[in-house]
PDB file of N, CA and C in Angstrom:
ATOM      1  N   MET A   1      83.396  96.480 104.507  1.00  0.00           N
ATOM      2  CA  MET A   1      84.610  96.990 105.095  1.00  0.00           C
ATOM      3  C   MET A   1      84.611  96.573 106.565  1.00  0.00           C
ATOM      4  N   GLY A   2      85.777  96.210 107.036  1.00  0.00           N
ATOM      5  CA  GLY A   2      85.883  95.807 108.427  1.00  0.00           C
ATOM      6  C   GLY A   2      87.332  95.718 108.851  1.00  0.00           C
ATOM      7  N   LYS A   3      87.537  95.332 110.082  1.00  0.00           N
ATOM      8  CA  LYS A   3      88.886  95.216 110.632  1.00  0.00           C
ATOM      9  C   LYS A   3      89.342  93.765 110.570  1.00  0.00           C
ATOM     10  N   LEU A   4      90.580  93.568 110.157  1.00  0.00           N
ATOM     11  CA  LEU A   4      91.205  92.247 110.128  1.00  0.00           C
ATOM     12  C   LEU A   4      92.385  92.290 111.087  1.00  0.00           C
ATOM     13  N   THR A   5      92.415  91.369 112.037  1.00  0.00           N
ATOM     14  CA  THR A   5      93.522  91.296 112.988  1.00  0.00           C
ATOM     15  C   THR A   5      94.235  89.968 112.829  1.00  0.00           C
ATOM     16  N   VAL A   6      95.544  90.034 112.611  1.00  0.00           N
ATOM     17  CA  VAL A   6      96.388  88.846 112.495  1.00  0.00           C
ATOM     18  C   VAL A   6      97.603  89.073 113.376  1.00  0.00           C
ATOM     19  N   ASP A   7      97.806  88.214 114.331  1.00  0.00           N
ATOM     20  CA  ASP A   7      98.980  88.256 115.203  1.00  0.00           C
ATOM     21  C   ASP A   7      99.200  89.636 115.826  1.00  0.00           C
ATOM     22  N   GLY A   8      98.112  90.273 116.248  1.00  0.00           N
ATOM     23  CA  GLY A   8      98.227  91.556 116.923  1.00  0.00           C
ATOM     24  C   GLY A   8      98.223  92.771 116.022  1.00  0.00           C
ATOM     25  N   PHE A   9      98.299  92.602 114.714  1.00  0.00           N
ATOM     26  CA  PHE A   9      98.242  93.713 113.768  1.00  0.00           C
ATOM     27  C   PHE A   9      96.815  93.819 113.242  1.00  0.00           C
ATOM     28  N   THR A  10      96.243  95.019 113.296  1.00  0.00           N
ATOM     29  CA  THR A  10      94.880  95.235 112.817  1.00  0.00           C
ATOM     30  C   THR A  10      94.903  96.216 111.658  1.00  0.00           C
ATOM     31  N   LYS A  11      94.229  95.850 110.570  1.00  0.00           N
ATOM     32  CA  LYS A  11      94.131  96.696 109.382  1.00  0.00           C
ATOM     33  C   LYS A  11      92.681  96.760 108.938  1.00  0.00           C
ATOM     34  N   LEU A  12      92.299  97.883 108.336  1.00  0.00           N
ATOM     35  CA  LEU A  12      90.981  98.049 107.761  1.00  0.00           C
ATOM     36  C   LEU A  12      91.006  97.418 106.370  1.00  0.00           C
ATOM     37  N   VAL A  13      90.091  96.504 106.089  1.00  0.00           N
ATOM     38  CA  VAL A  13      90.064  95.811 104.803  1.00  0.00           C
ATOM     39  C   VAL A  13      88.666  95.886 104.202  1.00  0.00           C
ATOM     40  N   THR A  14      88.603  95.745 102.891  1.00  0.00           N
ATOM     41  CA  THR A  14      87.338  95.709 102.161  1.00  0.00           C
ATOM     42  C   THR A  14      87.187  94.338 101.531  1.00  0.00           C
ATOM     43  N   TRP A  15      86.033  93.739 101.725  1.00  0.00           N
ATOM     44  CA  TRP A  15      85.740  92.419 101.180  1.00  0.00           C
ATOM     45  C   TRP A  15      84.834  92.567  99.963  1.00  0.00           C
ATOM     46  N   GLU A  16      85.066  91.748  98.932  1.00  0.00           N
ATOM     47  CA  GLU A  16      84.150  91.653  97.798  1.00  0.00           C
ATOM     48  C   GLU A  16      83.368  90.362  97.982  1.00  0.00           C
ATOM     49  N   ALA A  17      82.054  90.469  97.969  1.00  0.00           N
ATOM     50  CA  ALA A  17      81.230  89.296  98.261  1.00  0.00           C
ATOM     51  C   ALA A  17      80.160  89.092  97.199  1.00  0.00           C
ATOM     52  N   THR A  18      79.803  87.836  96.988  1.00  0.00           N
ATOM     53  CA  THR A  18      78.677  87.471  96.135  1.00  0.00           C
ATOM     54  C   THR A  18      77.807  86.488  96.902  1.00  0.00           C
ATOM     55  N   VAL A  19      76.508  86.614  96.704  1.00  0.00           N
ATOM     56  CA  VAL A  19      75.555  85.713  97.353  1.00  0.00           C
ATOM     57  C   VAL A  19      74.536  85.276  96.314  1.00  0.00           C
ATOM     58  N   LYS A  20      74.260  83.969  96.277  1.00  0.00           N
ATOM     59  CA  LYS A  20      73.235  83.425  95.388  1.00  0.00           C
ATOM     60  C   LYS A  20      72.094  82.898  96.246  1.00  0.00           C
ATOM     61  N   LEU A  21      70.879  83.309  95.895  1.00  0.00           N
ATOM     62  CA  LEU A  21      69.697  82.853  96.606  1.00  0.00           C
ATOM     63  C   LEU A  21      68.946  81.861  95.726  1.00  0.00           C
ATOM     64  N   ASN A  22      68.545  80.729  96.304  1.00  0.00           N
ATOM     65  CA  ASN A  22      67.812  79.703  95.576  1.00  0.00           C
ATOM     66  C   ASN A  22      66.782  79.113  96.530  1.00  0.00           C
ATOM     67  N   ASP A  23      65.527  79.464  96.334  1.00  0.00           N
ATOM     68  CA  ASP A  23      64.444  79.031  97.225  1.00  0.00           C
ATOM     69  C   ASP A  23      64.781  79.393  98.674  1.00  0.00           C
ATOM     70  N   ASN A  24      64.956  78.401  99.532  1.00  0.00           N
ATOM     71  CA  ASN A  24      65.242  78.653 100.949  1.00  0.00           C
ATOM     72  C   ASN A  24      66.725  78.533 101.275  1.00  0.00           C
ATOM     73  N   THR A  25      67.572  78.548 100.245  1.00  0.00           N
ATOM     74  CA  THR A  25      69.005  78.348 100.448  1.00  0.00           C
ATOM     75  C   THR A  25      69.772  79.565  99.941  1.00  0.00           C
ATOM     76  N   SER A  26      70.799  79.929 100.657  1.00  0.00           N
ATOM     77  CA  SER A  26      71.701  80.977 100.180  1.00  0.00           C
ATOM     78  C   SER A  26      73.132  80.448 100.244  1.00  0.00           C
ATOM     79  N   MET A  27      73.912  80.814  99.239  1.00  0.00           N
ATOM     80  CA  MET A  27      75.317  80.406  99.182  1.00  0.00           C
ATOM     81  C   MET A  27      76.128  81.632  98.793  1.00  0.00           C
ATOM     82  N   GLY A  28      77.235  81.829  99.474  1.00  0.00           N
ATOM     83  CA  GLY A  28      78.027  83.004  99.172  1.00  0.00           C
ATOM     84  C   GLY A  28      79.512  82.773  99.342  1.00  0.00           C
ATOM     85  N   SER A  29      80.268  83.732  98.850  1.00  0.00           N
ATOM     86  CA  SER A  29      81.717  83.699  99.024  1.00  0.00           C
ATOM     87  C   SER A  29      82.208  85.143  99.110  1.00  0.00           C
ATOM     88  N   ALA A  30      83.355  85.303  99.736  1.00  0.00           N
ATOM     89  CA  ALA A  30      83.929  86.641  99.880  1.00  0.00           C
ATOM     90  C   ALA A  30      85.442  86.543  99.746  1.00  0.00           C
ATOM     91  N   THR A  31      86.041  87.560  99.161  1.00  0.00           N
ATOM     92  CA  THR A  31      87.490  87.612  99.010  1.00  0.00           C
ATOM     93  C   THR A  31      87.984  89.002  99.396  1.00  0.00           C
ATOM     94  N   MET A  32      89.238  89.057  99.770  1.00  0.00           N
ATOM     95  CA  MET A  32      89.891  90.340 100.027  1.00  0.00           C
ATOM     96  C   MET A  32      91.377  90.168  99.775  1.00  0.00           C
ATOM     97  N   ARG A  33      92.007  91.262  99.426  1.00  0.00           N
ATOM     98  CA  ARG A  33      93.449  91.251  99.186  1.00  0.00           C
ATOM     99  C   ARG A  33      94.118  92.026 100.310  1.00  0.00           C
ATOM    100  N   CYS A  34      95.256  91.505 100.737  1.00  0.00           N
ATOM    101  CA  CYS A  34      95.983  92.156 101.824  1.00  0.00           C
ATOM    102  C   CYS A  34      97.471  91.866 101.660  1.00  0.00           C
ATOM    103  N   ASP A  35      98.283  92.886 101.801  1.00  0.00           N
ATOM    104  CA  ASP A  35      99.734  92.707 101.748  1.00  0.00           C
ATOM    105  C   ASP A  35     100.188  92.116 103.078  1.00  0.00           C
ATOM    106  N   MET A  36     100.815  90.952 103.043  1.00  0.00           N
ATOM    107  CA  MET A  36     101.241  90.257 104.259  1.00  0.00           C
ATOM    108  C   MET A  36     102.154  91.121 105.120  1.00  0.00           C
ATOM    109  N   VAL A  37     102.990  91.929 104.494  1.00  0.00           N
ATOM    110  CA  VAL A  37     103.939  92.765 105.232  1.00  0.00           C
ATOM    111  C   VAL A  37     103.190  93.754 106.128  1.00  0.00           C
ATOM    112  N   ASN A  38     102.015  94.224 105.683  1.00  0.00           N
ATOM    113  CA  ASN A  38     101.222  95.159 106.493  1.00  0.00           C
ATOM    114  C   ASN A  38     100.646  94.499 107.737  1.00  0.00           C
ATOM    115  N   LEU A  39     100.693  93.171 107.807  1.00  0.00           N
ATOM    116  CA  LEU A  39     100.205  92.445 108.976  1.00  0.00           C
ATOM    117  C   LEU A  39     101.349  91.839 109.774  1.00  0.00           C
ATOM    118  N   GLY A  40     102.572  92.295 109.510  1.00  0.00           N
ATOM    119  CA  GLY A  40     103.719  91.820 110.269  1.00  0.00           C
ATOM    120  C   GLY A  40     104.194  90.432 109.878  1.00  0.00           C
ATOM    121  N   ILE A  41     103.796  89.966 108.687  1.00  0.00           N
ATOM    122  CA  ILE A  41     104.202  88.641 108.216  1.00  0.00           C
ATOM    123  C   ILE A  41     105.274  88.827 107.150  1.00  0.00           C
ATOM    124  N   GLU A  42     106.410  88.173 107.322  1.00  0.00           N
ATOM    125  CA  GLU A  42     107.478  88.278 106.329  1.00  0.00           C
ATOM    126  C   GLU A  42     107.071  87.568 105.048  1.00  0.00           C
ATOM    127  N   LYS A  43     107.467  88.155 103.916  1.00  0.00           N
ATOM    128  CA  LYS A  43     107.185  87.517 102.636  1.00  0.00           C
ATOM    129  C   LYS A  43     107.966  86.216 102.557  1.00  0.00           C
ATOM    130  N   PRO A  44     107.329  85.149 102.057  1.00  0.00           N
ATOM    131  CA  PRO A  44     108.045  83.884 101.924  1.00  0.00           C
ATOM    132  C   PRO A  44     109.117  83.982 100.841  1.00  0.00           C
ATOM    133  N   VAL A  45     110.192  83.278 101.041  1.00  0.00           N
ATOM    134  CA  VAL A  45     111.284  83.257 100.074  1.00  0.00           C
ATOM    135  C   VAL A  45     111.410  81.841  99.544  1.00  0.00           C
ATOM    136  N   ALA A  46     111.336  81.710  98.236  1.00  0.00           N
ATOM    137  CA  ALA A  46     111.479  80.395  97.622  1.00  0.00           C
ATOM    138  C   ALA A  46     112.942  80.167  97.290  1.00  0.00           C
ATOM    139  N   GLY A  47     113.356  78.935  97.380  1.00  0.00           N
ATOM    140  CA  GLY A  47     114.717  78.583  96.993  1.00  0.00           C
ATOM    141  C   GLY A  47     114.849  78.596  95.485  1.00  0.00           C
ATOM    142  N   GLN A  48     115.945  78.072  95.005  1.00  0.00           N
ATOM    143  CA  GLN A  48     116.155  78.008  93.569  1.00  0.00           C
ATOM    144  C   GLN A  48     115.103  77.113  92.932  1.00  0.00           C
ATOM    145  N   VAL A  49     114.683  77.487  91.738  1.00  0.00           N
ATOM    146  CA  VAL A  49     113.692  76.711  91.004  1.00  0.00           C
ATOM    147  C   VAL A  49     114.392  76.040  89.839  1.00  0.00           C
ATOM    148  N   VAL A  50     114.187  74.742  89.707  1.00  0.00           N
ATOM    149  CA  VAL A  50     114.795  73.980  88.620  1.00  0.00           C
ATOM    150  C   VAL A  50     113.675  73.368  87.797  1.00  0.00           C
ATOM    151  N   LEU A  51     113.698  73.618  86.500  1.00  0.00           N
ATOM    152  CA  LEU A  51     112.720  73.018  85.606  1.00  0.00           C
ATOM    153  C   LEU A  51     113.365  71.847  84.889  1.00  0.00           C
ATOM    154  N   VAL A  52     112.677  70.735  84.851  1.00  0.00           N
ATOM    155  CA  VAL A  52     113.197  69.545  84.191  1.00  0.00           C
ATOM    156  C   VAL A  52     112.240  69.184  83.072  1.00  0.00           C
ATOM    157  N   GLY A  53     112.779  68.966  81.903  1.00  0.00           N
ATOM    158  CA  GLY A  53     111.936  68.602  80.767  1.00  0.00           C
ATOM    159  C   GLY A  53     112.795  68.010  79.673  1.00  0.00           C
ATOM    160  N   GLU A  54     112.163  67.738  78.553  1.00  0.00           N
ATOM    161  CA  GLU A  54     112.888  67.166  77.418  1.00  0.00           C
ATOM    162  C   GLU A  54     113.681  68.255  76.712  1.00  0.00           C
ATOM    163  N   ALA A  55     114.862  67.886  76.227  1.00  0.00           N
ATOM    164  CA  ALA A  55     115.698  68.823  75.482  1.00  0.00           C
ATOM    165  C   ALA A  55     115.159  68.958  74.067  1.00  0.00           C
ATOM    166  N   ASN A  56     115.213  70.164  73.546  1.00  0.00           N
ATOM    167  CA  ASN A  56     114.810  70.401  72.159  1.00  0.00           C
ATOM    168  C   ASN A  56     116.037  70.274  71.277  1.00  0.00           C
ATOM    169  N   ASP A  57     116.053  69.255  70.425  1.00  0.00           N
ATOM    170  CA  ASP A  57     117.216  69.053  69.540  1.00  0.00           C
ATOM    171  C   ASP A  57     117.013  69.760  68.240  1.00  0.00           C
TER     172      ASP A  57
END
């Protein structure tokens, strides 16, 4: 758990992490989920979506 600050907005977040140890080497990764709106970032808006494919006769 820690603080995440983006563009002046600070929120408390929890990270999920995994670490693999192999002899003298360690490798890890961490992820967290955060609602962009809670950090003052507007949700992106996609334009119209057009799918193109073969017609089913």
